[in-house]
Amino acid sequence: MTRDSRSEYEWRMHKVLTHIDDHLDEALELAALADVAHFSAYHFHRLFAAWAGETLGDYIRRRRVEVGALRLATQPRLSVLQAAVSVGFGSGEAFSRAFRAHFGSAPTAWRASHDWVLPCDDPARDSNPGQIALHGFTKNGSTPRNPAHQEPPMNVELITRAPVTIAYLRYTGPFGAPVGEFWATKAAPWICAHQLWSHARYGISHDDPSITAPEHSRYDACVEVPEDFVPDGGFQKTVLPGGRYASLKFQGLPAEINDAWTRLMRDWLPASGFQFDSRPAFEYYGPGMAFDEKTGAFECDICIPIAPL
């Protein structure tokens, strides 16, 4: 089985986006990126702008600044200069200028002004465990904690995951209820049609909605597939990285999962001796995990990639 023309085109463009994110600290020249996509360098700039809705240069600058901001937010010991170099800027000054142009404030002030918690988006339409959006961080997005309220202890496990091959369909837009609709109307029918519903599924958010504008925020609805699987229908294939993760088992209603993410990020991570690394965080829905169709209650593992602080 081979890809049709549209699937081939989308696969090549996704390959370029992945290459850019994996090599932000390196020179990203148009000719080299065109070669990654196997397109003519002469036409690639126009092809990319038509497909992505922004020029290649604008896209690379935006990703460098946004990833730098995310690293400042999630790696408390990272200096502005280290963040700048890690995303391809030659100096802290150049990074600060680009950062200020994008966010309206200097990196240090922006970092100090943000209280990183998870948003409480309307979960009413997220009624299936495979439809729960993995939300990123936002400022002042949840109800303040009541110190007198005793929350149950978190049972966070440190696990090592093997890499897995996944097929994914990408959604770009606001997180929350629209992601649930995306699962229900786009991803789930395809998974069922390919008899993959018994396979493990994942929800992966690639962007932090307090950093990346809603129209650019990316979410992947994923399902495990064999290594030789050839996706169709707009689905792409990649490998979800293995390695060290912190894993929190969740059991409850859709409206309660944001609280679990908040506690993991607000309470456990700062005291753990770990920090985020550059791999994606995700919700893991194993084949045997429960789902109650009457109540909408479900279970999943919330997994965040960790590295020593």
C-alpha atoms as a PDB file:
ATOM      1  CA  MET A   1       0.000   0.000   0.000  1.00  0.00           C
ATOM      2  CA  THR A   2       1.367   3.431  -0.954  1.00  0.00           C
ATOM      3  CA  ARG A   3       0.311   6.963  -0.063  1.00  0.00           C
ATOM      4  CA  ASP A   4      -1.924   8.919  -2.380  1.00  0.00           C
ATOM      5  CA  SER A   5      -0.665  12.248  -3.706  1.00  0.00           C
ATOM      6  CA  ARG A   6      -2.272  14.390  -0.988  1.00  0.00           C
ATOM      7  CA  SER A   7      -1.046  12.113   1.814  1.00  0.00           C
ATOM      8  CA  GLU A   8       2.475  12.182   0.359  1.00  0.00           C
ATOM      9  CA  TYR A   9       2.427  15.978   0.225  1.00  0.00           C
ATOM     10  CA  GLU A  10       1.216  16.266   3.835  1.00  0.00           C
ATOM     11  CA  TRP A  11       3.752  13.690   5.018  1.00  0.00           C
ATOM     12  CA  ARG A  12       6.585  15.720   3.483  1.00  0.00           C
ATOM     13  CA  MET A  13       5.374  18.940   5.106  1.00  0.00           C
ATOM     14  CA  HIS A  14       5.002  17.265   8.514  1.00  0.00           C
ATOM     15  CA  LYS A  15       8.535  15.926   8.088  1.00  0.00           C
ATOM     16  CA  VAL A  16       9.786  19.491   7.643  1.00  0.00           C
ATOM     17  CA  LEU A  17       7.920  20.755  10.736  1.00  0.00           C
ATOM     18  CA  THR A  18       9.382  17.934  12.825  1.00  0.00           C
ATOM     19  CA  HIS A  19      12.864  18.640  11.470  1.00  0.00           C
ATOM     20  CA  ILE A  20      12.540  22.333  12.354  1.00  0.00           C
ATOM     21  CA  ASP A  21      11.500  21.631  15.944  1.00  0.00           C
ATOM     22  CA  ASP A  22      14.281  19.044  16.318  1.00  0.00           C
ATOM     23  CA  HIS A  23      16.974  21.426  15.003  1.00  0.00           C
ATOM     24  CA  LEU A  24      16.019  24.855  16.339  1.00  0.00           C
ATOM     25  CA  ASP A  25      19.553  25.307  17.693  1.00  0.00           C
ATOM     26  CA  GLU A  26      21.041  24.897  14.216  1.00  0.00           C
ATOM     27  CA  ALA A  27      21.032  26.920  11.002  1.00  0.00           C
ATOM     28  CA  LEU A  28      17.803  26.229   9.127  1.00  0.00           C
ATOM     29  CA  GLU A  29      18.394  27.178   5.525  1.00  0.00           C
ATOM     30  CA  LEU A  30      15.654  27.084   2.917  1.00  0.00           C
ATOM     31  CA  ALA A  31      17.583  24.784   0.555  1.00  0.00           C
ATOM     32  CA  ALA A  32      18.294  22.252   3.305  1.00  0.00           C
ATOM     33  CA  LEU A  33      14.659  22.223   4.444  1.00  0.00           C
ATOM     34  CA  ALA A  34      13.473  21.820   0.861  1.00  0.00           C
ATOM     35  CA  ASP A  35      15.769  18.817   0.637  1.00  0.00           C
ATOM     36  CA  VAL A  36      14.213  17.342   3.791  1.00  0.00           C
ATOM     37  CA  ALA A  37      10.816  17.604   2.079  1.00  0.00           C
ATOM     38  CA  HIS A  38      12.127  16.447  -1.298  1.00  0.00           C
ATOM     39  CA  PHE A  39      10.764  19.568  -2.966  1.00  0.00           C
ATOM     40  CA  SER A  40      12.488  21.973  -5.307  1.00  0.00           C
ATOM     41  CA  ALA A  41      14.253  24.729  -3.365  1.00  0.00           C
ATOM     42  CA  TYR A  42      13.063  27.182  -6.012  1.00  0.00           C
ATOM     43  CA  HIS A  43       9.395  26.539  -5.201  1.00  0.00           C
ATOM     44  CA  PHE A  44       9.583  25.427  -1.578  1.00  0.00           C
ATOM     45  CA  HIS A  45       9.144  28.845   0.045  1.00  0.00           C
ATOM     46  CA  ARG A  46       5.883  29.436  -1.809  1.00  0.00           C
ATOM     47  CA  LEU A  47       4.679  25.869  -1.163  1.00  0.00           C
ATOM     48  CA  PHE A  48       5.365  26.180   2.559  1.00  0.00           C
ATOM     49  CA  ALA A  49       3.612  29.549   2.888  1.00  0.00           C
ATOM     50  CA  ALA A  50       0.546  28.273   1.061  1.00  0.00           C
ATOM     51  CA  TRP A  51       0.337  25.163   3.263  1.00  0.00           C
ATOM     52  CA  ALA A  52       1.265  26.665   6.652  1.00  0.00           C
ATOM     53  CA  GLY A  53      -0.359  30.081   6.287  1.00  0.00           C
ATOM     54  CA  GLU A  54       2.875  31.909   7.150  1.00  0.00           C
ATOM     55  CA  THR A  55       6.267  32.237   5.496  1.00  0.00           C
ATOM     56  CA  LEU A  56       9.044  29.823   6.325  1.00  0.00           C
ATOM     57  CA  GLY A  57      11.086  32.586   7.989  1.00  0.00           C
ATOM     58  CA  ASP A  58       8.146  33.738  10.105  1.00  0.00           C
ATOM     59  CA  TYR A  59       7.378  30.178  11.138  1.00  0.00           C
ATOM     60  CA  ILE A  60      10.969  29.474  12.229  1.00  0.00           C
ATOM     61  CA  ARG A  61      11.210  32.752  14.199  1.00  0.00           C
ATOM     62  CA  ARG A  62       7.904  32.066  15.925  1.00  0.00           C
ATOM     63  CA  ARG A  63       8.862  28.517  16.870  1.00  0.00           C
ATOM     64  CA  ARG A  64      12.240  29.629  18.213  1.00  0.00           C
ATOM     65  CA  VAL A  65      10.711  32.294  20.441  1.00  0.00           C
ATOM     66  CA  GLU A  66       7.814  30.100  21.612  1.00  0.00           C
ATOM     67  CA  VAL A  67      10.029  27.112  22.430  1.00  0.00           C
ATOM     68  CA  GLY A  68      12.452  29.446  24.205  1.00  0.00           C
ATOM     69  CA  ALA A  69       9.562  30.807  26.262  1.00  0.00           C
ATOM     70  CA  LEU A  70       8.364  27.317  27.133  1.00  0.00           C
ATOM     71  CA  ARG A  71      11.847  26.344  28.298  1.00  0.00           C
ATOM     72  CA  LEU A  72      12.091  29.459  30.471  1.00  0.00           C
ATOM     73  CA  ALA A  73       8.720  28.597  32.003  1.00  0.00           C
ATOM     74  CA  THR A  74       9.419  24.926  32.695  1.00  0.00           C
ATOM     75  CA  GLN A  75      13.161  24.928  33.474  1.00  0.00           C
ATOM     76  CA  PRO A  76      13.632  27.273  36.433  1.00  0.00           C
ATOM     77  CA  ARG A  77      17.454  27.103  36.438  1.00  0.00           C
ATOM     78  CA  LEU A  78      17.782  27.910  32.741  1.00  0.00           C
ATOM     79  CA  SER A  79      19.203  31.361  32.066  1.00  0.00           C
ATOM     80  CA  VAL A  80      17.920  33.623  29.306  1.00  0.00           C
ATOM     81  CA  LEU A  81      21.198  33.157  27.436  1.00  0.00           C
ATOM     82  CA  GLN A  82      20.958  29.367  27.700  1.00  0.00           C
ATOM     83  CA  ALA A  83      17.378  29.482  26.431  1.00  0.00           C
ATOM     84  CA  ALA A  84      18.456  31.737  23.579  1.00  0.00           C
ATOM     85  CA  VAL A  85      21.290  29.464  22.462  1.00  0.00           C
ATOM     86  CA  SER A  86      19.119  26.344  22.779  1.00  0.00           C
ATOM     87  CA  VAL A  87      16.735  27.676  20.118  1.00  0.00           C
ATOM     88  CA  GLY A  88      19.297  29.036  17.694  1.00  0.00           C
ATOM     89  CA  PHE A  89      19.903  32.654  18.703  1.00  0.00           C
ATOM     90  CA  GLY A  90      23.501  33.842  18.647  1.00  0.00           C
ATOM     91  CA  SER A  91      23.124  36.044  21.728  1.00  0.00           C
ATOM     92  CA  GLY A  92      20.823  36.818  24.605  1.00  0.00           C
ATOM     93  CA  GLU A  93      20.298  40.301  23.174  1.00  0.00           C
ATOM     94  CA  ALA A  94      19.011  38.985  19.845  1.00  0.00           C
ATOM     95  CA  PHE A  95      16.685  36.585  21.660  1.00  0.00           C
ATOM     96  CA  SER A  96      15.407  39.359  23.936  1.00  0.00           C
ATOM     97  CA  ARG A  97      14.620  41.606  20.957  1.00  0.00           C
ATOM     98  CA  ALA A  98      12.700  38.850  19.204  1.00  0.00           C
ATOM     99  CA  PHE A  99      10.996  37.850  22.453  1.00  0.00           C
ATOM    100  CA  ARG A 100       9.871  41.411  23.176  1.00  0.00           C
ATOM    101  CA  ALA A 101       8.552  41.799  19.619  1.00  0.00           C
ATOM    102  CA  HIS A 102       6.487  38.616  19.995  1.00  0.00           C
ATOM    103  CA  PHE A 103       5.291  38.819  23.619  1.00  0.00           C
ATOM    104  CA  GLY A 104       5.557  42.532  24.394  1.00  0.00           C
ATOM    105  CA  SER A 105       7.941  42.141  27.315  1.00  0.00           C
ATOM    106  CA  ALA A 106      11.498  41.046  28.050  1.00  0.00           C
ATOM    107  CA  PRO A 107      12.108  37.341  28.823  1.00  0.00           C
ATOM    108  CA  THR A 108      12.978  37.897  32.491  1.00  0.00           C
ATOM    109  CA  ALA A 109       9.921  40.062  33.170  1.00  0.00           C
ATOM    110  CA  TRP A 110       7.655  37.686  31.246  1.00  0.00           C
ATOM    111  CA  ARG A 111       8.941  34.710  33.207  1.00  0.00           C
ATOM    112  CA  ALA A 112       8.485  36.475  36.563  1.00  0.00           C
ATOM    113  CA  SER A 113       4.935  37.561  35.742  1.00  0.00           C
ATOM    114  CA  HIS A 114       3.583  34.119  34.899  1.00  0.00           C
ATOM    115  CA  ASP A 115       1.948  31.837  37.423  1.00  0.00           C
ATOM    116  CA  TRP A 116       1.977  28.496  35.643  1.00  0.00           C
ATOM    117  CA  VAL A 117      -1.187  26.493  36.227  1.00  0.00           C
ATOM    118  CA  LEU A 118      -3.531  24.557  34.018  1.00  0.00           C
ATOM    119  CA  PRO A 119      -6.643  26.097  32.476  1.00  0.00           C
ATOM    120  CA  CYS A 120     -10.147  25.109  33.440  1.00  0.00           C
ATOM    121  CA  ASP A 121     -11.649  24.904  29.968  1.00  0.00           C
ATOM    122  CA  ASP A 122     -15.249  23.822  29.562  1.00  0.00           C
ATOM    123  CA  PRO A 123     -15.082  20.022  29.623  1.00  0.00           C
ATOM    124  CA  ALA A 124     -18.771  19.430  28.951  1.00  0.00           C
ATOM    125  CA  ARG A 125     -18.238  18.036  25.473  1.00  0.00           C
ATOM    126  CA  ASP A 126     -15.247  15.846  26.369  1.00  0.00           C
ATOM    127  CA  SER A 127     -17.272  12.733  27.116  1.00  0.00           C
ATOM    128  CA  ASN A 128     -14.912  10.004  25.894  1.00  0.00           C
ATOM    129  CA  PRO A 129     -11.480   9.163  27.314  1.00  0.00           C
ATOM    130  CA  GLY A 130     -10.064   9.411  23.829  1.00  0.00           C
ATOM    131  CA  GLN A 131     -11.483  12.921  23.536  1.00  0.00           C
ATOM    132  CA  ILE A 132      -9.919  14.570  26.562  1.00  0.00           C
ATOM    133  CA  ALA A 133      -7.671  17.459  25.542  1.00  0.00           C
ATOM    134  CA  LEU A 134      -4.185  17.624  26.974  1.00  0.00           C
ATOM    135  CA  HIS A 135      -4.119  21.263  27.994  1.00  0.00           C
ATOM    136  CA  GLY A 136      -0.970  23.320  28.303  1.00  0.00           C
ATOM    137  CA  PHE A 137      -0.230  26.027  30.818  1.00  0.00           C
ATOM    138  CA  THR A 138      -1.921  29.377  31.176  1.00  0.00           C
ATOM    139  CA  LYS A 139      -1.661  32.249  33.619  1.00  0.00           C
ATOM    140  CA  ASN A 140      -4.230  32.404  36.422  1.00  0.00           C
ATOM    141  CA  GLY A 141      -6.363  29.799  34.699  1.00  0.00           C
ATOM    142  CA  SER A 142      -7.724  27.844  37.651  1.00  0.00           C
ATOM    143  CA  THR A 143      -9.354  28.478  40.973  1.00  0.00           C
ATOM    144  CA  PRO A 144      -6.831  29.269  43.741  1.00  0.00           C
ATOM    145  CA  ARG A 145      -6.159  26.449  46.137  1.00  0.00           C
ATOM    146  CA  ASN A 146      -7.764  26.559  49.553  1.00  0.00           C
ATOM    147  CA  PRO A 147      -4.952  25.873  52.061  1.00  0.00           C
ATOM    148  CA  ALA A 148      -7.438  24.305  54.472  1.00  0.00           C
ATOM    149  CA  HIS A 149      -8.552  21.766  51.881  1.00  0.00           C
ATOM    150  CA  GLN A 150      -6.617  18.526  52.200  1.00  0.00           C
ATOM    151  CA  GLU A 151      -6.142  16.973  48.788  1.00  0.00           C
ATOM    152  CA  PRO A 152      -5.390  13.249  48.519  1.00  0.00           C
ATOM    153  CA  PRO A 153      -1.733  12.330  48.036  1.00  0.00           C
ATOM    154  CA  MET A 154      -0.508  11.844  44.486  1.00  0.00           C
ATOM    155  CA  ASN A 155       0.849   8.464  43.499  1.00  0.00           C
ATOM    156  CA  VAL A 156       3.369   9.549  40.859  1.00  0.00           C
ATOM    157  CA  GLU A 157       5.529   6.799  39.370  1.00  0.00           C
ATOM    158  CA  LEU A 158       8.849   7.288  37.624  1.00  0.00           C
ATOM    159  CA  ILE A 159       8.722   5.019  34.595  1.00  0.00           C
ATOM    160  CA  THR A 160      10.801   4.241  31.534  1.00  0.00           C
ATOM    161  CA  ARG A 161       8.791   3.940  28.323  1.00  0.00           C
ATOM    162  CA  ALA A 162       9.962   2.303  25.129  1.00  0.00           C
ATOM    163  CA  PRO A 163       9.508   4.234  21.875  1.00  0.00           C
ATOM    164  CA  VAL A 164       6.232   3.408  20.104  1.00  0.00           C
ATOM    165  CA  THR A 165       5.083   3.883  16.519  1.00  0.00           C
ATOM    166  CA  ILE A 166       1.901   5.916  16.300  1.00  0.00           C
ATOM    167  CA  ALA A 167      -0.435   7.130  13.608  1.00  0.00           C
ATOM    168  CA  TYR A 168      -1.749  10.606  14.307  1.00  0.00           C
ATOM    169  CA  LEU A 169      -4.166  13.154  12.955  1.00  0.00           C
ATOM    170  CA  ARG A 170      -3.301  16.753  13.698  1.00  0.00           C
ATOM    171  CA  TYR A 171      -5.758  19.378  14.861  1.00  0.00           C
ATOM    172  CA  THR A 172      -4.736  23.044  14.801  1.00  0.00           C
ATOM    173  CA  GLY A 173      -6.849  25.545  16.720  1.00  0.00           C
ATOM    174  CA  PRO A 174      -8.191  26.332  20.204  1.00  0.00           C
ATOM    175  CA  PHE A 175      -7.912  23.567  22.800  1.00  0.00           C
ATOM    176  CA  GLY A 176     -10.742  22.379  25.031  1.00  0.00           C
ATOM    177  CA  ALA A 177     -14.113  21.286  23.665  1.00  0.00           C
ATOM    178  CA  PRO A 178     -13.072  21.581  19.988  1.00  0.00           C
ATOM    179  CA  VAL A 179     -10.486  18.853  20.582  1.00  0.00           C
ATOM    180  CA  GLY A 180     -13.231  16.579  21.903  1.00  0.00           C
ATOM    181  CA  GLU A 181     -15.260  17.183  18.772  1.00  0.00           C
ATOM    182  CA  PHE A 182     -12.167  16.504  16.677  1.00  0.00           C
ATOM    183  CA  TRP A 183     -11.740  13.100  18.334  1.00  0.00           C
ATOM    184  CA  ALA A 184     -15.413  12.227  17.930  1.00  0.00           C
ATOM    185  CA  THR A 185     -15.843  13.288  14.320  1.00  0.00           C
ATOM    186  CA  LYS A 186     -12.403  12.810  12.768  1.00  0.00           C
ATOM    187  CA  ALA A 187     -10.085  10.540  14.723  1.00  0.00           C
ATOM    188  CA  ALA A 188     -12.389   7.923  16.285  1.00  0.00           C
ATOM    189  CA  PRO A 189     -14.183   6.943  13.030  1.00  0.00           C
ATOM    190  CA  TRP A 190     -10.825   6.424  11.302  1.00  0.00           C
ATOM    191  CA  ILE A 191      -9.478   4.352  14.200  1.00  0.00           C
ATOM    192  CA  CYS A 192     -12.601   2.180  14.157  1.00  0.00           C
ATOM    193  CA  ALA A 193     -12.532   1.786  10.369  1.00  0.00           C
ATOM    194  CA  HIS A 194      -8.947   0.500  10.581  1.00  0.00           C
ATOM    195  CA  GLN A 195      -9.802  -1.835  13.475  1.00  0.00           C
ATOM    196  CA  LEU A 196      -7.336  -0.122  15.795  1.00  0.00           C
ATOM    197  CA  TRP A 197      -9.633   0.739  18.693  1.00  0.00           C
ATOM    198  CA  SER A 198      -8.115  -2.078  20.778  1.00  0.00           C
ATOM    199  CA  HIS A 199      -4.711  -0.378  20.466  1.00  0.00           C
ATOM    200  CA  ALA A 200      -3.372   2.170  22.951  1.00  0.00           C
ATOM    201  CA  ARG A 201      -4.266   5.782  22.187  1.00  0.00           C
ATOM    202  CA  TYR A 202      -2.592   9.079  23.087  1.00  0.00           C
ATOM    203  CA  GLY A 203      -3.495  12.754  23.214  1.00  0.00           C
ATOM    204  CA  ILE A 204      -0.494  15.001  22.559  1.00  0.00           C
ATOM    205  CA  SER A 205      -0.453  18.789  22.787  1.00  0.00           C
ATOM    206  CA  HIS A 206       2.579  20.296  21.089  1.00  0.00           C
ATOM    207  CA  ASP A 207       1.971  23.891  22.122  1.00  0.00           C
ATOM    208  CA  ASP A 208       1.274  25.854  25.284  1.00  0.00           C
ATOM    209  CA  PRO A 209      -1.883  27.917  24.696  1.00  0.00           C
ATOM    210  CA  SER A 210      -0.577  30.735  26.899  1.00  0.00           C
ATOM    211  CA  ILE A 211       2.431  31.023  24.588  1.00  0.00           C
ATOM    212  CA  THR A 212       1.150  29.990  21.169  1.00  0.00           C
ATOM    213  CA  ALA A 213      -1.858  31.752  19.633  1.00  0.00           C
ATOM    214  CA  PRO A 214      -4.987  29.545  19.427  1.00  0.00           C
ATOM    215  CA  GLU A 215      -4.928  29.495  15.639  1.00  0.00           C
ATOM    216  CA  HIS A 216      -1.415  27.988  15.717  1.00  0.00           C
ATOM    217  CA  SER A 217      -1.836  25.553  18.649  1.00  0.00           C
ATOM    218  CA  ARG A 218      -1.312  21.915  17.614  1.00  0.00           C
ATOM    219  CA  TYR A 219      -2.820  18.741  19.076  1.00  0.00           C
ATOM    220  CA  ASP A 220      -2.356  15.168  17.817  1.00  0.00           C
ATOM    221  CA  ALA A 221      -4.949  12.410  18.255  1.00  0.00           C
ATOM    222  CA  CYS A 222      -2.845   9.230  18.149  1.00  0.00           C
ATOM    223  CA  VAL A 223      -3.110   5.459  18.105  1.00  0.00           C
ATOM    224  CA  GLU A 224      -0.378   2.819  18.237  1.00  0.00           C
ATOM    225  CA  VAL A 225       0.247   1.032  14.930  1.00  0.00           C
ATOM    226  CA  PRO A 226       2.696  -1.591  13.603  1.00  0.00           C
ATOM    227  CA  GLU A 227       6.004  -0.250  12.322  1.00  0.00           C
ATOM    228  CA  ASP A 228       5.087  -1.131   8.714  1.00  0.00           C
ATOM    229  CA  PHE A 229       1.635   0.480   8.886  1.00  0.00           C
ATOM    230  CA  VAL A 230       0.897   2.882   6.018  1.00  0.00           C
ATOM    231  CA  PRO A 231      -1.559   5.585   7.164  1.00  0.00           C
ATOM    232  CA  ASP A 232      -4.164   7.208   4.952  1.00  0.00           C
ATOM    233  CA  GLY A 233      -7.019   9.671   5.300  1.00  0.00           C
ATOM    234  CA  GLY A 234      -4.767  12.502   6.436  1.00  0.00           C
ATOM    235  CA  PHE A 235      -3.147  10.488   9.242  1.00  0.00           C
ATOM    236  CA  GLN A 236       0.642  10.598   9.521  1.00  0.00           C
ATOM    237  CA  LYS A 237       3.054   8.217  11.221  1.00  0.00           C
ATOM    238  CA  THR A 238       5.846   8.933  13.673  1.00  0.00           C
ATOM    239  CA  VAL A 239       7.583   7.514  16.733  1.00  0.00           C
ATOM    240  CA  LEU A 240       6.635   8.723  20.207  1.00  0.00           C
ATOM    241  CA  PRO A 241       9.971   8.967  22.058  1.00  0.00           C
ATOM    242  CA  GLY A 242      10.780   6.604  24.867  1.00  0.00           C
ATOM    243  CA  GLY A 243      12.740   7.448  27.986  1.00  0.00           C
ATOM    244  CA  ARG A 244      12.060   8.608  31.528  1.00  0.00           C
ATOM    245  CA  TYR A 245       8.593   9.898  32.403  1.00  0.00           C
ATOM    246  CA  ALA A 246       6.642  10.810  35.507  1.00  0.00           C
ATOM    247  CA  SER A 247       3.293   9.043  35.320  1.00  0.00           C
ATOM    248  CA  LEU A 248       0.148   9.847  37.290  1.00  0.00           C
ATOM    249  CA  LYS A 249      -2.821   7.491  37.107  1.00  0.00           C
ATOM    250  CA  PHE A 250      -6.107   9.339  36.728  1.00  0.00           C
ATOM    251  CA  GLN A 251      -9.594   7.985  37.426  1.00  0.00           C
ATOM    252  CA  GLY A 252     -12.540  10.339  37.319  1.00  0.00           C
ATOM    253  CA  LEU A 253     -14.809  12.553  35.276  1.00  0.00           C
ATOM    254  CA  PRO A 254     -13.735  14.743  32.356  1.00  0.00           C
ATOM    255  CA  ALA A 255     -14.251  17.855  34.503  1.00  0.00           C
ATOM    256  CA  GLU A 256     -11.696  16.571  37.018  1.00  0.00           C
ATOM    257  CA  ILE A 257      -8.673  15.885  34.804  1.00  0.00           C
ATOM    258  CA  ASN A 258      -7.542  19.521  34.709  1.00  0.00           C
ATOM    259  CA  ASP A 259      -7.148  19.404  38.490  1.00  0.00           C
ATOM    260  CA  ALA A 260      -4.934  16.327  38.157  1.00  0.00           C
ATOM    261  CA  TRP A 261      -2.715  18.102  35.630  1.00  0.00           C
ATOM    262  CA  THR A 262      -2.594  21.175  37.881  1.00  0.00           C
ATOM    263  CA  ARG A 263      -1.537  19.216  40.949  1.00  0.00           C
ATOM    264  CA  LEU A 264       1.102  17.319  39.016  1.00  0.00           C
ATOM    265  CA  MET A 265       2.630  20.531  37.665  1.00  0.00           C
ATOM    266  CA  ARG A 266       2.046  22.795  40.666  1.00  0.00           C
ATOM    267  CA  ASP A 267       2.713  20.460  43.586  1.00  0.00           C
ATOM    268  CA  TRP A 268       4.719  17.433  42.481  1.00  0.00           C
ATOM    269  CA  LEU A 269       7.126  18.697  39.822  1.00  0.00           C
ATOM    270  CA  PRO A 270       8.704  21.638  41.735  1.00  0.00           C
ATOM    271  CA  ALA A 271       9.598  19.376  44.674  1.00  0.00           C
ATOM    272  CA  SER A 272      10.633  16.364  42.597  1.00  0.00           C
ATOM    273  CA  GLY A 273      14.157  17.336  41.551  1.00  0.00           C
ATOM    274  CA  PHE A 274      13.099  17.033  37.913  1.00  0.00           C
ATOM    275  CA  GLN A 275      12.066  19.371  35.136  1.00  0.00           C
ATOM    276  CA  PHE A 276      10.447  19.045  31.717  1.00  0.00           C
ATOM    277  CA  ASP A 277      12.651  18.130  28.802  1.00  0.00           C
ATOM    278  CA  SER A 278      11.873  18.672  25.129  1.00  0.00           C
ATOM    279  CA  ARG A 279       9.769  15.545  24.510  1.00  0.00           C
ATOM    280  CA  PRO A 280       5.988  15.943  24.396  1.00  0.00           C
ATOM    281  CA  ALA A 281       3.762  15.299  27.405  1.00  0.00           C
ATOM    282  CA  PHE A 282       0.663  13.231  26.771  1.00  0.00           C
ATOM    283  CA  GLU A 283      -2.339  11.381  28.109  1.00  0.00           C
ATOM    284  CA  TYR A 284      -2.094   7.609  27.612  1.00  0.00           C
ATOM    285  CA  TYR A 285      -5.245   5.551  27.136  1.00  0.00           C
ATOM    286  CA  GLY A 286      -4.352   1.870  27.397  1.00  0.00           C
ATOM    287  CA  PRO A 287      -6.526  -0.823  25.802  1.00  0.00           C
ATOM    288  CA  GLY A 288      -7.728  -2.127  29.162  1.00  0.00           C
ATOM    289  CA  MET A 289      -8.459   1.224  30.767  1.00  0.00           C
ATOM    290  CA  ALA A 290     -12.021   1.736  31.932  1.00  0.00           C
ATOM    291  CA  PHE A 291     -14.640   4.041  30.484  1.00  0.00           C
ATOM    292  CA  ASP A 292     -18.181   4.393  31.844  1.00  0.00           C
ATOM    293  CA  GLU A 293     -20.555   5.398  29.047  1.00  0.00           C
ATOM    294  CA  LYS A 294     -23.250   6.444  31.552  1.00  0.00           C
ATOM    295  CA  THR A 295     -21.188   8.830  33.657  1.00  0.00           C
ATOM    296  CA  GLY A 296     -18.299   9.619  31.309  1.00  0.00           C
ATOM    297  CA  ALA A 297     -15.835   8.539  34.019  1.00  0.00           C
ATOM    298  CA  PHE A 298     -12.590   7.179  32.604  1.00  0.00           C
ATOM    299  CA  GLU A 299      -9.021   6.363  33.440  1.00  0.00           C
ATOM    300  CA  CYS A 300      -5.717   7.263  31.813  1.00  0.00           C
ATOM    301  CA  ASP A 301      -2.070   7.883  32.644  1.00  0.00           C
ATOM    302  CA  ILE A 302      -0.835  11.470  32.566  1.00  0.00           C
ATOM    303  CA  CYS A 303       2.785  11.290  31.418  1.00  0.00           C
ATOM    304  CA  ILE A 304       5.304  14.111  31.484  1.00  0.00           C
ATOM    305  CA  PRO A 305       8.884  13.749  30.167  1.00  0.00           C
ATOM    306  CA  ILE A 306      11.467  14.491  32.830  1.00  0.00           C
ATOM    307  CA  ALA A 307      15.154  15.263  33.115  1.00  0.00           C
ATOM    308  CA  PRO A 308      17.255  16.104  36.196  1.00  0.00           C
ATOM    309  CA  LEU A 309      16.787  19.667  37.435  1.00  0.00           C
END
